[in-house]
Amino acid sequence: MKKREAVPIIKKEEGAMRHKKVSIITLSLLFLCIFLIAVFNISKANNQAADNPDREEVETKAVCLLGAKVKSFPVYVYNDGNSGENKFFPTGMMGDINDSWINSYCKESPYAGSSCIKIVYKKKAGQIYHWTGLYWQAPANNWSPGSQPGYDLTGATTLTFWARGENGGETVDFMIGGDQGNSFRKIMSSETLSEEWIKYSVDLSNADLSNVGWGFGVKILPVRESSTANSGTVSVYLDDIEYHFD
């Protein structure tokens, strides 16, 4: 009886190894091609940007860190509703807070940009305080800057802002800083608003600005029965609130 010759196992193993090497080489070449294409596209994009004199430059702004000295001005309490430059938050509601509200994205004839601040206070029977107010705080809800520092605005010489009333004749207080650990406090008492935008300026050249947790505040004064401007519903508008160096 004729014996069947066995197929050498070594030949099968050599064939498998050869196929594996071909696959590795193919994948390596594929990755190399992808890499070269990516490098070419990046280089092309950079050259196009360099050759375009009208391209927009990205401005790097100094980061404001709580508790640290601010390195550049202006520092905005409010620039625009959607602005990333707003460094304070309208979280310090006071007085008859259930009868007042704020809109930081108001489109009703802003002084600058696409929006302004609108604060509405509605007189109702049975109110406890008969006034309402609001502080812009850093960080949000910071009622104790002494234990939770705000910004060190040392170097700022002026705070400016724009304000108007819906009808004109509205009476308000404007507050900058405060107590509870703020390093300074200033109140502009009983300011009468116009129905047109008016610019206000506060001299800070001698103020201690080392810890500002309450960047700005407004108080709509007690509603007087004899005042048509401060009776019923009162609307106050603010815009472009900023600390700067002159």
Protein backbone atom coordinates (compact mmCIF):
# COMPACT_ATOMS: atom_id res chain seq x y z
CA MET A 1 0.00 0.00 0.00
CA LYS A 2 1.43 3.39 -1.09
CA LYS A 3 2.07 5.84 1.72
CA ARG A 4 0.73 9.46 1.43
CA GLU A 5 3.38 12.09 1.88
CA ALA A 6 2.68 14.66 4.62
CA VAL A 7 2.38 18.33 3.59
CA PRO A 8 5.16 20.30 5.24
CA ILE A 9 3.71 22.53 7.96
CA ILE A 10 6.61 24.97 7.60
CA LYS A 11 5.42 26.12 4.16
CA LYS A 12 1.98 27.04 5.53
CA GLU A 13 3.52 29.05 8.36
CA GLU A 14 5.84 30.85 5.95
CA GLY A 15 2.86 31.81 3.76
CA ALA A 16 0.95 33.22 6.73
CA MET A 17 3.94 35.24 7.88
CA ARG A 18 4.47 36.62 4.36
CA HIS A 19 0.81 37.74 4.20
CA LYS A 20 1.11 39.39 7.63
CA LYS A 21 4.21 41.34 6.55
CA VAL A 22 2.45 42.59 3.41
CA SER A 23 -0.51 43.81 5.51
CA ILE A 24 1.76 45.69 7.92
CA ILE A 25 3.63 47.36 5.06
CA THR A 26 0.34 48.37 3.39
CA LEU A 27 -1.04 49.92 6.60
CA SER A 28 2.24 51.74 7.23
CA LEU A 29 2.15 53.26 3.75
CA LEU A 30 -1.50 54.29 4.25
CA PHE A 31 -0.75 56.09 7.54
CA LEU A 32 2.27 57.76 5.96
CA CYS A 33 0.12 59.09 3.12
CA ILE A 34 -2.50 60.43 5.54
CA PHE A 35 0.22 62.15 7.59
CA LEU A 36 1.78 63.78 4.52
CA ILE A 37 -1.60 65.03 3.31
CA ALA A 38 -2.34 66.55 6.72
CA VAL A 39 1.05 68.30 6.83
CA PHE A 40 0.50 69.66 3.33
CA ASN A 41 -2.96 71.05 4.18
CA ILE A 42 -1.73 72.74 7.37
CA SER A 43 1.18 74.32 5.52
CA LYS A 44 -1.15 75.51 2.76
CA ALA A 45 -3.57 77.06 5.26
CA ASN A 46 -0.75 78.87 7.06
CA ASN A 47 0.59 80.25 3.80
CA GLN A 48 -2.87 81.48 2.78
CA ALA A 49 -3.30 83.22 6.14
CA ALA A 50 0.13 84.83 5.87
CA ASP A 51 -0.61 86.06 2.34
CA ASN A 52 -3.98 87.60 3.34
CA PRO A 53 -3.44 91.14 4.72
CA ASP A 54 -7.15 91.50 5.59
CA ARG A 55 -7.31 88.57 7.97
CA GLU A 56 -8.71 89.25 11.44
CA GLU A 57 -6.23 89.28 14.29
CA VAL A 58 -7.21 87.55 17.51
CA GLU A 59 -6.63 89.91 20.42
CA THR A 60 -5.38 88.30 23.59
CA LYS A 61 -6.89 89.94 26.64
CA ALA A 62 -5.62 89.70 30.20
CA VAL A 63 -7.57 87.27 32.31
CA CYS A 64 -9.26 88.74 35.40
CA LEU A 65 -8.74 86.47 38.38
CA LEU A 66 -10.71 86.83 41.59
CA GLY A 67 -8.49 88.03 44.42
CA ALA A 68 -5.71 89.04 42.01
CA LYS A 69 -4.79 92.44 40.65
CA VAL A 70 -6.34 93.16 37.26
CA LYS A 71 -3.64 93.70 34.64
CA SER A 72 -5.53 95.72 32.03
CA PHE A 73 -8.52 98.00 31.61
CA PRO A 74 -11.34 98.51 30.90
CA VAL A 75 -13.01 96.01 33.20
CA TYR A 76 -16.69 95.71 32.40
CA VAL A 77 -19.50 95.27 34.85
CA TYR A 78 -21.69 95.17 31.76
CA ASN A 79 -20.63 95.52 28.14
CA ASP A 80 -23.41 93.70 26.29
CA GLY A 81 -25.81 90.92 27.18
CA ASN A 82 -23.83 88.22 25.37
CA SER A 83 -20.39 89.67 26.07
CA GLY A 84 -17.75 87.46 27.61
CA GLU A 85 -16.17 90.61 29.05
CA ASN A 86 -18.87 91.02 31.72
CA LYS A 87 -17.01 90.35 34.99
CA PHE A 88 -19.85 90.84 37.49
CA PHE A 89 -23.21 89.11 37.84
CA PRO A 90 -26.65 90.65 38.61
CA THR A 91 -27.32 88.38 41.59
CA GLY A 92 -27.61 90.86 44.47
CA MET A 93 -31.36 91.48 44.51
CA MET A 94 -32.66 93.60 47.40
CA GLY A 95 -35.91 95.11 48.66
CA ASP A 96 -39.19 93.97 47.11
CA ILE A 97 -37.51 91.34 44.99
CA ASN A 98 -40.75 89.51 44.18
CA ASP A 99 -42.10 92.61 42.46
CA SER A 100 -39.05 93.42 40.37
CA TRP A 101 -37.11 91.73 37.60
CA ILE A 102 -34.13 92.33 35.36
CA ASN A 103 -33.52 91.77 31.68
CA SER A 104 -29.83 91.86 30.71
CA TYR A 105 -30.69 91.35 27.02
CA CYS A 106 -33.12 94.23 26.55
CA LYS A 107 -33.37 95.42 22.93
CA GLU A 108 -35.23 98.67 23.69
CA SER A 109 -32.91 101.30 22.24
CA PRO A 110 -29.62 100.32 23.92
CA TYR A 111 -26.99 103.02 24.17
CA ALA A 112 -24.36 100.82 22.51
CA GLY A 113 -24.15 97.29 21.18
CA SER A 114 -27.13 95.03 20.69
CA SER A 115 -28.62 95.11 24.19
CA CYS A 116 -28.85 96.95 27.49
CA ILE A 117 -30.07 96.29 31.03
CA LYS A 118 -33.70 96.89 31.97
CA ILE A 119 -34.88 96.78 35.59
CA VAL A 120 -38.61 96.85 36.22
CA TYR A 121 -40.23 97.53 39.59
CA LYS A 122 -43.99 97.25 40.02
CA LYS A 123 -45.74 98.88 42.94
CA LYS A 124 -48.23 96.62 44.74
CA ALA A 125 -50.31 96.82 47.92
CA GLY A 126 -48.78 95.21 50.96
CA GLN A 127 -45.15 95.61 49.95
CA ILE A 128 -42.68 95.58 52.83
CA TYR A 129 -39.86 97.85 51.61
CA HIS A 130 -41.45 99.99 48.89
CA TRP A 131 -38.18 99.95 46.96
CA THR A 132 -36.03 97.52 45.03
CA GLY A 133 -32.33 97.27 44.28
CA LEU A 134 -29.66 95.18 42.63
CA TYR A 135 -25.92 94.64 42.98
CA TRP A 136 -23.65 93.18 40.30
CA GLN A 137 -21.41 90.79 42.23
CA ALA A 138 -18.22 88.79 41.67
CA PRO A 139 -18.36 85.93 42.01
CA ALA A 140 -22.13 85.45 41.63
CA ASN A 141 -24.11 85.68 44.90
CA ASN A 142 -21.09 87.06 46.74
CA TRP A 143 -22.65 88.72 49.79
CA SER A 144 -19.42 88.59 51.79
CA PRO A 145 -16.42 89.90 49.82
CA GLY A 146 -14.47 89.95 53.08
CA SER A 147 -14.33 86.15 53.09
CA GLN A 148 -14.75 85.60 49.34
CA PRO A 149 -12.60 88.19 47.54
CA GLY A 150 -13.74 90.01 44.44
CA TYR A 151 -11.42 91.76 41.98
CA ASP A 152 -8.43 93.93 42.78
CA LEU A 153 -9.12 96.90 40.50
CA THR A 154 -6.21 98.99 41.76
CA GLY A 155 -5.21 101.34 38.96
CA ALA A 156 -8.72 102.20 37.78
CA THR A 157 -9.36 105.93 37.97
CA THR A 158 -12.95 106.19 36.78
CA LEU A 159 -16.21 104.25 36.62
CA THR A 160 -18.51 105.32 33.81
CA PHE A 161 -21.98 104.14 32.87
CA TRP A 162 -25.05 105.23 30.94
CA ALA A 163 -28.57 105.38 32.38
CA ARG A 164 -32.08 106.52 31.48
CA GLY A 165 -35.66 106.10 32.67
CA GLU A 166 -38.62 104.99 30.66
CA ASN A 167 -40.48 108.27 31.19
CA GLY A 168 -37.87 110.53 32.78
CA GLY A 169 -38.05 111.78 36.36
CA GLU A 170 -37.37 108.37 37.97
CA THR A 171 -35.29 108.69 41.15
CA VAL A 172 -32.53 106.19 41.92
CA ASP A 173 -29.39 105.68 43.95
CA PHE A 174 -26.26 104.38 42.25
CA MET A 175 -23.83 102.38 44.41
CA ILE A 176 -20.22 101.45 43.77
CA GLY A 177 -18.66 98.95 46.14
CA GLY A 178 -20.25 98.57 49.57
CA ASP A 179 -19.75 97.10 53.02
CA GLN A 180 -19.39 93.41 54.02
CA GLY A 181 -15.69 93.41 53.16
CA ASN A 182 -15.62 95.55 50.03
CA SER A 183 -12.58 97.80 50.17
CA PHE A 184 -14.56 100.97 49.40
CA ARG A 185 -18.09 102.32 49.13
CA LYS A 186 -19.57 105.23 47.22
CA ILE A 187 -23.23 106.22 46.79
CA MET A 188 -24.69 108.65 44.29
CA SER A 189 -27.92 109.57 46.07
CA SER A 190 -31.27 110.59 44.59
CA GLU A 191 -30.24 110.86 40.97
CA THR A 192 -33.11 111.93 38.71
CA LEU A 193 -33.10 110.13 35.38
CA SER A 194 -33.84 111.53 31.96
CA GLU A 195 -35.73 109.63 29.30
CA GLU A 196 -32.62 110.08 27.14
CA TRP A 197 -29.32 108.29 27.74
CA ILE A 198 -27.07 110.25 30.12
CA LYS A 199 -23.44 109.40 30.88
CA TYR A 200 -22.37 109.29 34.52
CA SER A 201 -18.76 109.36 35.70
CA VAL A 202 -17.40 108.49 39.14
CA ASP A 203 -13.91 109.57 40.19
CA LEU A 204 -12.01 106.64 41.74
CA SER A 205 -8.53 108.15 41.81
CA ASN A 206 -8.38 108.10 45.64
CA ALA A 207 -10.46 104.96 46.22
CA ASP A 208 -9.13 101.72 47.69
CA LEU A 209 -10.02 99.24 44.95
CA SER A 210 -8.06 96.29 46.31
CA ASN A 211 -11.20 94.19 46.87
CA VAL A 212 -14.28 94.93 44.78
CA GLY A 213 -16.92 92.24 45.16
CA TRP A 214 -19.86 94.50 44.36
CA GLY A 215 -18.94 96.20 41.13
CA PHE A 216 -22.05 98.31 40.72
CA GLY A 217 -25.51 98.72 42.20
CA VAL A 218 -28.75 100.58 41.63
CA LYS A 219 -31.66 101.24 43.97
CA ILE A 220 -35.06 102.43 42.76
CA LEU A 221 -36.12 104.67 45.63
CA PRO A 222 -39.35 104.36 47.63
CA VAL A 223 -42.38 104.94 45.47
CA ARG A 224 -44.01 108.25 46.38
CA GLU A 225 -47.70 108.77 45.86
CA SER A 226 -47.02 112.33 44.69
CA SER A 227 -44.56 111.21 42.01
CA THR A 228 -45.90 110.03 38.67
CA ALA A 229 -42.44 108.89 37.60
CA ASN A 230 -41.98 106.62 40.63
CA SER A 231 -45.51 105.31 40.83
CA GLY A 232 -47.07 102.28 39.21
CA THR A 233 -44.44 100.42 37.18
CA VAL A 234 -40.96 101.95 37.07
CA SER A 235 -38.44 100.97 34.40
CA VAL A 236 -34.76 101.90 34.57
CA TYR A 237 -32.22 101.24 31.80
CA LEU A 238 -28.44 100.88 32.14
CA ASP A 239 -25.65 100.26 29.65
CA ASP A 240 -21.87 100.16 29.20
CA ILE A 241 -20.80 100.02 32.87
CA GLU A 242 -17.01 99.96 33.06
CA TYR A 243 -13.96 100.62 35.20
CA HIS A 244 -11.13 102.19 33.26
CA PHE A 245 -7.84 104.02 33.53
CA ASP A 246 -7.66 107.56 32.15
